[in-house]
Amino acid sequence: MRPCRLWYAKQLHTKSTPDKIHSLNPSFCLILLTIILTPGFYGAFSRDSNCALSGIVMDAATGELLPGAHIILNQGERGTSSDLHGRFHLERLLSGRYEISVSYIGYAAKKDSVSLVPGQTPHLTIRLKQQPIELQEIAVSAFKSDLLRKVNLSRDVMGSQEIRMTASLVEPDLIRSMA
């Protein structure tokens, strides 16, 4: 393996050719190159990816919290769902303007826009209006099967004296049964 070479010019501000060559350890060069070419390297130190967005989703009329509401940024680029208390949180967003779309079954979807600035976390309160889901009518029909006609149902006729005796054995209210 050939050593990685690093050239230093004698004078920093001149355009002279390098006359001094220093050799570095090849494994150090490989590690340095890997870190620089890693996709997340620049995002980890960038202030632009330090944005977040949080909020709460609730019913506009009653103020009831809506768990499981869908929150989507920029037509599906990023998204999440609200928790059991109607809250949501999105992290590691780039700064800039986002279109936010919130939907929940039985409610009208709401679209809005929000601008994110590094170091700030806007807290949105999203109120959705109820919108009933209208479906087409359905018809329920039934027919009696031939198998059911062949089943013999059992029945027993009990007189009033038998009913009184049976009720005293299973009656949970003992005072009533003694009267």
N, C-alpha and C. Protein backbone atom coordinates (compact mmCIF):
# COMPACT_ATOMS: atom_id res chain seq x y z
N MET A 1 0.85 -1.18 0.00
CA MET A 1 0.00 0.00 0.00
C MET A 1 0.89 1.24 0.00
N ARG A 2 0.59 2.19 -0.86
CA ARG A 2 1.42 3.40 -0.96
C ARG A 2 1.00 4.39 0.11
N PRO A 3 1.94 5.11 0.71
CA PRO A 3 1.58 6.10 1.73
C PRO A 3 0.87 7.29 1.11
N CYS A 4 -0.03 7.86 1.89
CA CYS A 4 -0.75 9.06 1.47
C CYS A 4 0.21 10.24 1.64
N ARG A 5 0.27 11.12 0.66
CA ARG A 5 1.23 12.23 0.73
C ARG A 5 0.51 13.55 0.90
N LEU A 6 1.09 14.37 1.71
CA LEU A 6 0.54 15.69 1.99
C LEU A 6 1.63 16.72 1.71
N TRP A 7 1.34 17.71 0.88
CA TRP A 7 2.34 18.70 0.50
C TRP A 7 2.09 19.99 1.26
N TYR A 8 3.14 20.62 1.69
CA TYR A 8 3.07 21.91 2.35
C TYR A 8 3.93 22.91 1.56
N ALA A 9 3.40 24.04 1.29
CA ALA A 9 4.18 25.09 0.65
C ALA A 9 4.96 25.84 1.73
N LYS A 10 6.14 26.33 1.37
CA LYS A 10 6.93 27.07 2.35
C LYS A 10 6.19 28.32 2.79
N GLN A 11 5.64 29.01 1.85
CA GLN A 11 4.92 30.23 2.18
C GLN A 11 3.44 30.01 1.89
N LEU A 12 2.60 30.39 2.83
CA LEU A 12 1.17 30.14 2.70
C LEU A 12 0.52 30.98 1.61
N HIS A 13 0.95 32.19 1.44
CA HIS A 13 0.26 33.11 0.54
C HIS A 13 0.90 33.20 -0.84
N THR A 14 1.86 32.39 -1.15
CA THR A 14 2.46 32.43 -2.48
C THR A 14 2.01 31.22 -3.28
N LYS A 15 2.14 31.30 -4.58
CA LYS A 15 1.75 30.21 -5.46
C LYS A 15 2.96 29.39 -5.86
N SER A 16 3.87 29.26 -4.94
CA SER A 16 5.07 28.49 -5.26
C SER A 16 4.76 26.99 -5.21
N THR A 17 5.59 26.23 -5.86
CA THR A 17 5.40 24.78 -5.88
C THR A 17 5.85 24.19 -4.55
N PRO A 18 5.20 23.14 -4.12
CA PRO A 18 5.59 22.54 -2.85
C PRO A 18 6.97 21.91 -2.93
N ASP A 19 7.76 22.14 -1.92
CA ASP A 19 9.09 21.57 -1.93
C ASP A 19 9.31 20.61 -0.76
N LYS A 20 8.31 20.46 0.08
CA LYS A 20 8.46 19.57 1.22
C LYS A 20 7.31 18.57 1.22
N ILE A 21 7.61 17.31 1.24
CA ILE A 21 6.58 16.27 1.20
C ILE A 21 6.64 15.48 2.51
N HIS A 22 5.44 15.36 3.17
CA HIS A 22 5.35 14.56 4.39
C HIS A 22 4.49 13.34 4.10
N SER A 23 4.90 12.19 4.54
CA SER A 23 4.12 10.97 4.37
C SER A 23 3.29 10.71 5.62
N LEU A 24 2.03 10.28 5.41
CA LEU A 24 1.14 9.95 6.52
C LEU A 24 0.84 8.46 6.51
N ASN A 25 0.40 7.97 7.64
CA ASN A 25 0.01 6.58 7.78
C ASN A 25 -1.17 6.28 6.84
N PRO A 26 -1.13 5.22 6.04
CA PRO A 26 -2.22 4.92 5.10
C PRO A 26 -3.55 4.67 5.79
N SER A 27 -3.56 4.05 6.96
CA SER A 27 -4.84 3.81 7.65
C SER A 27 -5.45 5.11 8.12
N PHE A 28 -4.60 6.09 8.52
CA PHE A 28 -5.13 7.40 8.91
C PHE A 28 -5.80 8.08 7.72
N CYS A 29 -5.17 8.00 6.56
CA CYS A 29 -5.74 8.59 5.35
C CYS A 29 -7.07 7.93 4.98
N LEU A 30 -7.15 6.63 5.14
CA LEU A 30 -8.38 5.90 4.83
C LEU A 30 -9.51 6.30 5.78
N ILE A 31 -9.21 6.42 7.06
CA ILE A 31 -10.22 6.83 8.04
C ILE A 31 -10.68 8.26 7.75
N LEU A 32 -9.75 9.15 7.47
CA LEU A 32 -10.09 10.54 7.17
C LEU A 32 -10.96 10.63 5.92
N LEU A 33 -10.61 9.89 4.89
CA LEU A 33 -11.38 9.87 3.66
C LEU A 33 -12.79 9.31 3.88
N THR A 34 -12.89 8.26 4.69
CA THR A 34 -14.20 7.66 4.99
C THR A 34 -15.10 8.66 5.72
N ILE A 35 -14.56 9.37 6.69
CA ILE A 35 -15.35 10.35 7.44
C ILE A 35 -15.83 11.46 6.53
N ILE A 36 -14.98 11.95 5.68
CA ILE A 36 -15.34 13.06 4.80
C ILE A 36 -16.40 12.64 3.78
N LEU A 37 -16.32 11.42 3.29
CA LEU A 37 -17.25 10.97 2.26
C LEU A 37 -18.53 10.35 2.81
N THR A 38 -18.66 10.23 4.11
CA THR A 38 -19.87 9.68 4.71
C THR A 38 -21.02 10.67 4.50
N PRO A 39 -22.19 10.19 4.00
CA PRO A 39 -23.30 11.10 3.69
C PRO A 39 -23.79 11.92 4.88
N GLY A 40 -23.82 11.36 6.06
CA GLY A 40 -24.35 12.08 7.22
C GLY A 40 -23.36 13.01 7.87
N PHE A 41 -22.11 13.02 7.41
CA PHE A 41 -21.06 13.83 8.04
C PHE A 41 -21.41 15.31 8.01
N TYR A 42 -21.82 15.80 6.85
CA TYR A 42 -22.09 17.22 6.74
C TYR A 42 -23.38 17.60 7.46
N GLY A 43 -24.39 16.72 7.42
CA GLY A 43 -25.65 17.02 8.09
C GLY A 43 -25.51 17.05 9.60
N ALA A 44 -24.58 16.27 10.15
CA ALA A 44 -24.41 16.22 11.60
C ALA A 44 -23.86 17.53 12.12
N PHE A 45 -23.07 18.24 11.33
CA PHE A 45 -22.48 19.49 11.79
C PHE A 45 -23.16 20.71 11.20
N SER A 46 -24.18 20.49 10.43
CA SER A 46 -24.90 21.59 9.80
C SER A 46 -25.97 22.11 10.73
N ARG A 47 -26.09 23.41 10.83
CA ARG A 47 -27.12 24.00 11.68
C ARG A 47 -28.48 23.91 10.98
N ASP A 48 -28.50 23.74 9.66
CA ASP A 48 -29.76 23.70 8.93
C ASP A 48 -30.59 22.46 9.27
N SER A 49 -29.95 21.37 9.68
CA SER A 49 -30.71 20.16 9.99
C SER A 49 -31.09 20.08 11.46
N ASN A 50 -30.97 21.18 12.16
CA ASN A 50 -31.26 21.22 13.59
C ASN A 50 -32.65 21.77 13.85
N CYS A 51 -33.58 21.62 12.94
CA CYS A 51 -34.93 22.14 13.11
C CYS A 51 -35.87 21.03 13.54
N ALA A 52 -36.93 21.42 14.25
CA ALA A 52 -37.94 20.47 14.70
C ALA A 52 -39.31 21.14 14.62
N LEU A 53 -40.34 20.32 14.65
CA LEU A 53 -41.72 20.79 14.59
C LEU A 53 -42.54 19.93 15.53
N SER A 54 -43.36 20.56 16.37
CA SER A 54 -44.22 19.80 17.26
C SER A 54 -45.59 20.47 17.30
N GLY A 55 -46.55 19.75 17.86
CA GLY A 55 -47.88 20.32 17.94
C GLY A 55 -48.87 19.35 18.54
N ILE A 56 -50.13 19.75 18.48
CA ILE A 56 -51.22 18.97 19.03
C ILE A 56 -52.40 19.05 18.06
N VAL A 57 -53.12 17.94 17.90
CA VAL A 57 -54.27 17.88 16.99
C VAL A 57 -55.52 17.66 17.83
N MET A 58 -56.54 18.51 17.60
CA MET A 58 -57.77 18.40 18.38
C MET A 58 -59.01 18.72 17.54
N ASP A 59 -60.16 18.35 18.08
CA ASP A 59 -61.46 18.63 17.46
C ASP A 59 -61.73 20.12 17.61
N ALA A 60 -62.14 20.79 16.53
CA ALA A 60 -62.38 22.23 16.56
C ALA A 60 -63.57 22.60 17.43
N ALA A 61 -64.60 21.76 17.47
CA ALA A 61 -65.81 22.09 18.22
C ALA A 61 -65.70 21.76 19.70
N THR A 62 -65.18 20.58 20.02
CA THR A 62 -65.18 20.12 21.41
C THR A 62 -63.83 20.25 22.11
N GLY A 63 -62.75 20.38 21.36
CA GLY A 63 -61.41 20.43 21.96
C GLY A 63 -60.88 19.05 22.32
N GLU A 64 -61.61 18.00 21.92
CA GLU A 64 -61.18 16.63 22.18
C GLU A 64 -59.90 16.34 21.40
N LEU A 65 -58.92 15.72 22.07
CA LEU A 65 -57.65 15.38 21.42
C LEU A 65 -57.86 14.23 20.45
N LEU A 66 -57.15 14.24 19.34
CA LEU A 66 -57.32 13.24 18.29
C LEU A 66 -56.06 12.37 18.15
N PRO A 67 -56.05 11.19 18.79
CA PRO A 67 -54.91 10.29 18.66
C PRO A 67 -54.92 9.59 17.30
N GLY A 68 -53.74 9.41 16.73
CA GLY A 68 -53.63 8.70 15.46
C GLY A 68 -53.87 9.56 14.24
N ALA A 69 -53.90 10.88 14.40
CA ALA A 69 -54.04 11.77 13.24
C ALA A 69 -52.76 11.72 12.42
N HIS A 70 -52.88 11.84 11.10
CA HIS A 70 -51.73 11.77 10.19
C HIS A 70 -51.22 13.18 9.90
N ILE A 71 -49.93 13.40 10.14
CA ILE A 71 -49.29 14.68 9.87
C ILE A 71 -48.23 14.43 8.80
N ILE A 72 -48.37 15.08 7.65
CA ILE A 72 -47.48 14.84 6.51
C ILE A 72 -46.90 16.17 6.04
N LEU A 73 -45.58 16.18 5.80
CA LEU A 73 -44.89 17.38 5.30
C LEU A 73 -44.59 17.21 3.82
N ASN A 74 -44.79 18.27 3.05
CA ASN A 74 -44.44 18.33 1.62
C ASN A 74 -44.90 17.11 0.83
N GLN A 75 -46.15 16.80 0.83
CA GLN A 75 -46.75 15.70 0.06
C GLN A 75 -46.06 14.37 0.29
N GLY A 76 -45.73 14.05 1.53
CA GLY A 76 -45.21 12.74 1.84
C GLY A 76 -43.72 12.65 2.04
N GLU A 77 -43.02 13.77 1.99
CA GLU A 77 -41.58 13.75 2.19
C GLU A 77 -41.22 13.22 3.58
N ARG A 78 -41.90 13.69 4.60
CA ARG A 78 -41.74 13.23 5.98
C ARG A 78 -43.12 13.23 6.61
N GLY A 79 -43.30 12.41 7.63
CA GLY A 79 -44.59 12.38 8.29
C GLY A 79 -44.54 11.63 9.60
N THR A 80 -45.64 11.74 10.35
CA THR A 80 -45.77 11.06 11.63
C THR A 80 -47.26 10.96 11.97
N SER A 81 -47.55 10.36 13.11
CA SER A 81 -48.92 10.27 13.61
C SER A 81 -48.94 10.84 15.02
N SER A 82 -50.08 11.38 15.42
CA SER A 82 -50.19 11.91 16.77
C SER A 82 -50.30 10.76 17.76
N ASP A 83 -49.80 10.99 18.98
CA ASP A 83 -49.82 9.96 20.01
C ASP A 83 -51.20 9.89 20.69
N LEU A 84 -51.30 9.16 21.79
CA LEU A 84 -52.58 8.98 22.48
C LEU A 84 -53.15 10.29 23.01
N HIS A 85 -52.31 11.30 23.18
CA HIS A 85 -52.75 12.60 23.69
C HIS A 85 -52.85 13.64 22.59
N GLY A 86 -52.83 13.20 21.33
CA GLY A 86 -52.97 14.11 20.20
C GLY A 86 -51.72 14.88 19.86
N ARG A 87 -50.60 14.60 20.50
CA ARG A 87 -49.36 15.34 20.26
C ARG A 87 -48.52 14.67 19.17
N PHE A 88 -47.72 15.49 18.49
CA PHE A 88 -46.78 14.95 17.49
C PHE A 88 -45.48 15.75 17.56
N HIS A 89 -44.40 15.14 17.04
CA HIS A 89 -43.09 15.79 17.05
C HIS A 89 -42.26 15.24 15.88
N LEU A 90 -41.69 16.14 15.10
CA LEU A 90 -40.79 15.77 14.00
C LEU A 90 -39.45 16.44 14.24
N GLU A 91 -38.36 15.67 14.12
CA GLU A 91 -37.01 16.19 14.36
C GLU A 91 -36.16 16.07 13.10
N ARG A 92 -34.96 16.64 13.18
CA ARG A 92 -33.96 16.58 12.12
C ARG A 92 -34.51 17.06 10.77
N LEU A 93 -35.16 18.19 10.81
CA LEU A 93 -35.68 18.80 9.59
C LEU A 93 -34.75 19.91 9.15
N LEU A 94 -34.68 20.13 7.86
CA LEU A 94 -33.89 21.24 7.33
C LEU A 94 -34.68 22.53 7.50
N SER A 95 -33.98 23.64 7.65
CA SER A 95 -34.69 24.91 7.78
C SER A 95 -35.35 25.25 6.44
N GLY A 96 -36.42 26.02 6.52
CA GLY A 96 -37.14 26.41 5.31
C GLY A 96 -38.64 26.34 5.50
N ARG A 97 -39.35 26.45 4.40
CA ARG A 97 -40.81 26.47 4.43
C ARG A 97 -41.34 25.08 4.07
N TYR A 98 -42.34 24.63 4.85
CA TYR A 98 -42.95 23.32 4.64
C TYR A 98 -44.46 23.46 4.52
N GLU A 99 -45.03 22.64 3.65
CA GLU A 99 -46.48 22.50 3.56
C GLU A 99 -46.85 21.34 4.47
N ILE A 100 -47.75 21.57 5.41
CA ILE A 100 -48.16 20.54 6.36
C ILE A 100 -49.61 20.17 6.10
N SER A 101 -49.87 18.87 6.06
CA SER A 101 -51.22 18.36 5.82
C SER A 101 -51.59 17.44 6.99
N VAL A 102 -52.75 17.69 7.61
CA VAL A 102 -53.20 16.90 8.76
C VAL A 102 -54.55 16.30 8.41
N SER A 103 -54.69 14.98 8.63
CA SER A 103 -55.96 14.31 8.33
C SER A 103 -56.30 13.31 9.43
N TYR A 104 -57.60 13.05 9.56
CA TYR A 104 -58.12 12.13 10.57
C TYR A 104 -59.47 11.63 10.06
N ILE A 105 -59.75 10.36 10.28
CA ILE A 105 -61.00 9.78 9.78
C ILE A 105 -62.19 10.48 10.42
N GLY A 106 -63.13 10.92 9.60
CA GLY A 106 -64.33 11.60 10.08
C GLY A 106 -64.15 13.10 10.21
N TYR A 107 -63.00 13.62 9.80
CA TYR A 107 -62.71 15.05 9.89
C TYR A 107 -62.21 15.55 8.54
N ALA A 108 -62.44 16.83 8.27
CA ALA A 108 -61.94 17.44 7.04
C ALA A 108 -60.43 17.64 7.18
N ALA A 109 -59.68 17.29 6.14
CA ALA A 109 -58.23 17.47 6.16
C ALA A 109 -57.90 18.96 6.17
N LYS A 110 -56.81 19.29 6.83
CA LYS A 110 -56.40 20.69 6.92
C LYS A 110 -54.98 20.83 6.39
N LYS A 111 -54.76 21.84 5.55
CA LYS A 111 -53.43 22.12 5.00
C LYS A 111 -53.00 23.51 5.46
N ASP A 112 -51.72 23.63 5.75
CA ASP A 112 -51.16 24.90 6.21
C ASP A 112 -49.69 24.92 5.85
N SER A 113 -49.04 26.05 6.05
CA SER A 113 -47.60 26.11 5.80
C SER A 113 -46.92 26.64 7.06
N VAL A 114 -45.68 26.20 7.24
CA VAL A 114 -44.90 26.60 8.41
C VAL A 114 -43.46 26.81 7.98
N SER A 115 -42.82 27.83 8.55
CA SER A 115 -41.41 28.11 8.27
C SER A 115 -40.58 27.68 9.47
N LEU A 116 -39.51 26.93 9.21
CA LEU A 116 -38.65 26.45 10.27
C LEU A 116 -37.34 27.21 10.26
N VAL A 117 -36.91 27.61 11.45
CA VAL A 117 -35.67 28.34 11.64
C VAL A 117 -34.79 27.50 12.56
N PRO A 118 -33.48 27.37 12.28
CA PRO A 118 -32.61 26.56 13.13
C PRO A 118 -32.66 27.00 14.59
N GLY A 119 -32.72 26.01 15.48
CA GLY A 119 -32.72 26.28 16.92
C GLY A 119 -34.09 26.57 17.50
N GLN A 120 -35.11 26.70 16.67
CA GLN A 120 -36.47 26.98 17.16
C GLN A 120 -37.37 25.81 16.82
N THR A 121 -38.32 25.51 17.72
CA THR A 121 -39.29 24.44 17.49
C THR A 121 -40.68 25.04 17.59
N PRO A 122 -41.31 25.37 16.46
CA PRO A 122 -42.67 25.90 16.52
C PRO A 122 -43.64 24.84 17.06
N HIS A 123 -44.59 25.26 17.89
CA HIS A 123 -45.61 24.36 18.43
C HIS A 123 -46.95 24.76 17.81
N LEU A 124 -47.50 23.86 17.00
CA LEU A 124 -48.75 24.14 16.29
C LEU A 124 -49.94 23.55 17.04
N THR A 125 -51.04 24.26 17.05
CA THR A 125 -52.31 23.74 17.54
C THR A 125 -53.21 23.62 16.33
N ILE A 126 -53.51 22.39 15.95
CA ILE A 126 -54.28 22.15 14.74
C ILE A 126 -55.68 21.69 15.14
N ARG A 127 -56.67 22.44 14.70
CA ARG A 127 -58.07 22.13 15.02
C ARG A 127 -58.77 21.65 13.75
N LEU A 128 -59.24 20.41 13.80
CA LEU A 128 -59.93 19.83 12.64
C LEU A 128 -61.44 19.89 12.86
N LYS A 129 -62.15 20.17 11.77
CA LYS A 129 -63.63 20.21 11.82
C LYS A 129 -64.19 18.86 11.40
N GLN A 130 -65.23 18.44 12.11
CA GLN A 130 -65.85 17.16 11.78
C GLN A 130 -66.48 17.22 10.40
N GLN A 131 -66.33 16.13 9.68
CA GLN A 131 -66.94 15.99 8.36
C GLN A 131 -67.37 14.54 8.23
N PRO A 132 -68.67 14.30 8.37
CA PRO A 132 -69.13 12.90 8.31
C PRO A 132 -68.77 12.26 6.97
N ILE A 133 -68.49 10.98 7.04
CA ILE A 133 -68.20 10.22 5.83
C ILE A 133 -69.52 9.71 5.27
N GLU A 134 -69.83 10.10 4.05
CA GLU A 134 -71.07 9.67 3.42
C GLU A 134 -70.78 8.52 2.48
N LEU A 135 -71.44 7.41 2.73
CA LEU A 135 -71.27 6.22 1.91
C LEU A 135 -72.55 5.95 1.14
N GLN A 136 -72.46 5.15 0.12
CA GLN A 136 -73.65 4.75 -0.61
C GLN A 136 -74.42 3.75 0.24
N GLU A 137 -75.71 3.66 -0.04
CA GLU A 137 -76.53 2.73 0.73
C GLU A 137 -76.14 1.29 0.46
N ILE A 138 -76.37 0.47 1.46
CA ILE A 138 -76.11 -0.95 1.30
C ILE A 138 -77.39 -1.71 1.63
N ALA A 139 -77.57 -2.85 1.04
CA ALA A 139 -78.76 -3.68 1.28
C ALA A 139 -78.32 -4.95 1.99
N VAL A 140 -79.02 -5.27 3.08
CA VAL A 140 -78.75 -6.49 3.83
C VAL A 140 -79.95 -7.40 3.64
N SER A 141 -79.70 -8.61 3.20
CA SER A 141 -80.79 -9.55 3.00
C SER A 141 -80.38 -10.90 3.57
N ALA A 142 -81.40 -11.70 3.90
CA ALA A 142 -81.12 -13.02 4.47
C ALA A 142 -82.17 -14.00 3.96
N PHE A 143 -81.84 -15.26 4.03
CA PHE A 143 -82.80 -16.30 3.66
C PHE A 143 -82.64 -17.44 4.64
N LYS A 144 -83.68 -18.18 4.79
CA LYS A 144 -83.67 -19.29 5.73
C LYS A 144 -83.15 -20.53 5.01
N SER A 145 -82.20 -21.17 5.61
CA SER A 145 -81.58 -22.34 5.04
C SER A 145 -82.43 -23.58 5.32
N ASP A 146 -82.36 -24.56 4.43
CA ASP A 146 -83.08 -25.82 4.63
C ASP A 146 -82.56 -26.55 5.86
N LEU A 147 -81.32 -26.37 6.18
CA LEU A 147 -80.72 -27.02 7.34
C LEU A 147 -81.41 -26.57 8.63
N LEU A 148 -81.76 -25.29 8.70
CA LEU A 148 -82.41 -24.78 9.90
C LEU A 148 -83.82 -25.34 10.08
N ARG A 149 -84.48 -25.67 9.02
CA ARG A 149 -85.84 -26.22 9.12
C ARG A 149 -85.84 -27.61 9.72
N LYS A 150 -84.77 -28.34 9.58
CA LYS A 150 -84.71 -29.71 10.06
C LYS A 150 -84.32 -29.81 11.54
N VAL A 151 -83.88 -28.71 12.15
CA VAL A 151 -83.45 -28.73 13.54
C VAL A 151 -84.69 -28.72 14.44
N ASN A 152 -84.75 -29.67 15.36
CA ASN A 152 -85.85 -29.73 16.33
C ASN A 152 -85.48 -28.88 17.53
N LEU A 153 -86.33 -27.93 17.82
CA LEU A 153 -86.11 -27.09 18.98
C LEU A 153 -86.78 -27.72 20.18
N SER A 154 -86.14 -27.64 21.33
CA SER A 154 -86.75 -28.21 22.53
C SER A 154 -87.44 -27.10 23.30
N ARG A 155 -88.51 -27.50 24.02
CA ARG A 155 -89.20 -26.55 24.87
C ARG A 155 -89.80 -27.31 26.04
N ASP A 156 -90.01 -26.58 27.10
CA ASP A 156 -90.54 -27.18 28.31
C ASP A 156 -91.60 -26.23 28.87
N VAL A 157 -92.70 -26.77 29.30
CA VAL A 157 -93.78 -25.97 29.86
C VAL A 157 -93.70 -26.08 31.38
N MET A 158 -93.65 -24.91 32.03
CA MET A 158 -93.56 -24.89 33.49
C MET A 158 -94.78 -24.17 34.04
N GLY A 159 -95.28 -24.68 35.12
CA GLY A 159 -96.41 -24.04 35.78
C GLY A 159 -95.92 -22.99 36.75
N SER A 160 -96.86 -22.23 37.32
CA SER A 160 -96.50 -21.15 38.22
C SER A 160 -95.84 -21.66 39.49
N GLN A 161 -96.28 -22.84 39.99
CA GLN A 161 -95.69 -23.43 41.20
C GLN A 161 -94.22 -23.80 40.94
N GLU A 162 -93.90 -24.35 39.79
CA GLU A 162 -92.52 -24.70 39.44
C GLU A 162 -91.65 -23.45 39.29
N ILE A 163 -92.24 -22.40 38.74
CA ILE A 163 -91.49 -21.16 38.57
C ILE A 163 -91.13 -20.58 39.92
N ARG A 164 -92.09 -20.59 40.87
CA ARG A 164 -91.80 -20.06 42.21
C ARG A 164 -90.70 -20.86 42.90
N MET A 165 -90.72 -22.16 42.75
CA MET A 165 -89.70 -23.00 43.39
C MET A 165 -88.33 -22.79 42.73
N THR A 166 -88.27 -22.66 41.43
CA THR A 166 -87.02 -22.45 40.72
C THR A 166 -86.45 -21.08 41.02
N ALA A 167 -87.30 -20.06 41.10
CA ALA A 167 -86.84 -18.70 41.37
C ALA A 167 -86.18 -18.61 42.73
N SER A 168 -86.66 -19.37 43.71
CA SER A 168 -86.06 -19.29 45.04
C SER A 168 -84.67 -19.91 45.07
N LEU A 169 -84.38 -20.81 44.14
CA LEU A 169 -83.06 -21.43 44.11
C LEU A 169 -82.01 -20.56 43.44
N VAL A 170 -82.42 -19.76 42.46
CA VAL A 170 -81.47 -18.95 41.72
C VAL A 170 -81.64 -17.45 41.92
N GLU A 171 -82.56 -17.03 42.71
CA GLU A 171 -82.83 -15.61 42.94
C GLU A 171 -81.69 -14.98 43.71
N PRO A 172 -81.06 -13.93 43.18
CA PRO A 172 -79.98 -13.30 43.91
C PRO A 172 -80.48 -12.44 45.06
N ASP A 173 -81.71 -11.99 44.99
CA ASP A 173 -82.27 -11.15 46.03
C ASP A 173 -83.05 -12.02 47.00
N LEU A 174 -82.42 -12.42 48.11
CA LEU A 174 -83.03 -13.35 49.04
C LEU A 174 -84.23 -12.77 49.77
N ILE A 175 -84.25 -11.47 50.04
CA ILE A 175 -85.38 -10.85 50.74
C ILE A 175 -86.64 -10.96 49.92
N ARG A 176 -86.54 -10.72 48.62
CA ARG A 176 -87.69 -10.84 47.73
C ARG A 176 -88.22 -12.27 47.68
N SER A 177 -87.33 -13.22 47.65
CA SER A 177 -87.76 -14.62 47.53
C SER A 177 -88.42 -15.11 48.82
N MET A 178 -88.16 -14.51 49.99
CA MET A 178 -88.79 -14.91 51.23
C MET A 178 -90.17 -14.29 51.39
N ALA A 179 -90.47 -13.23 50.72
CA ALA A 179 -91.77 -12.54 50.88
C ALA A 179 -92.90 -13.30 50.26
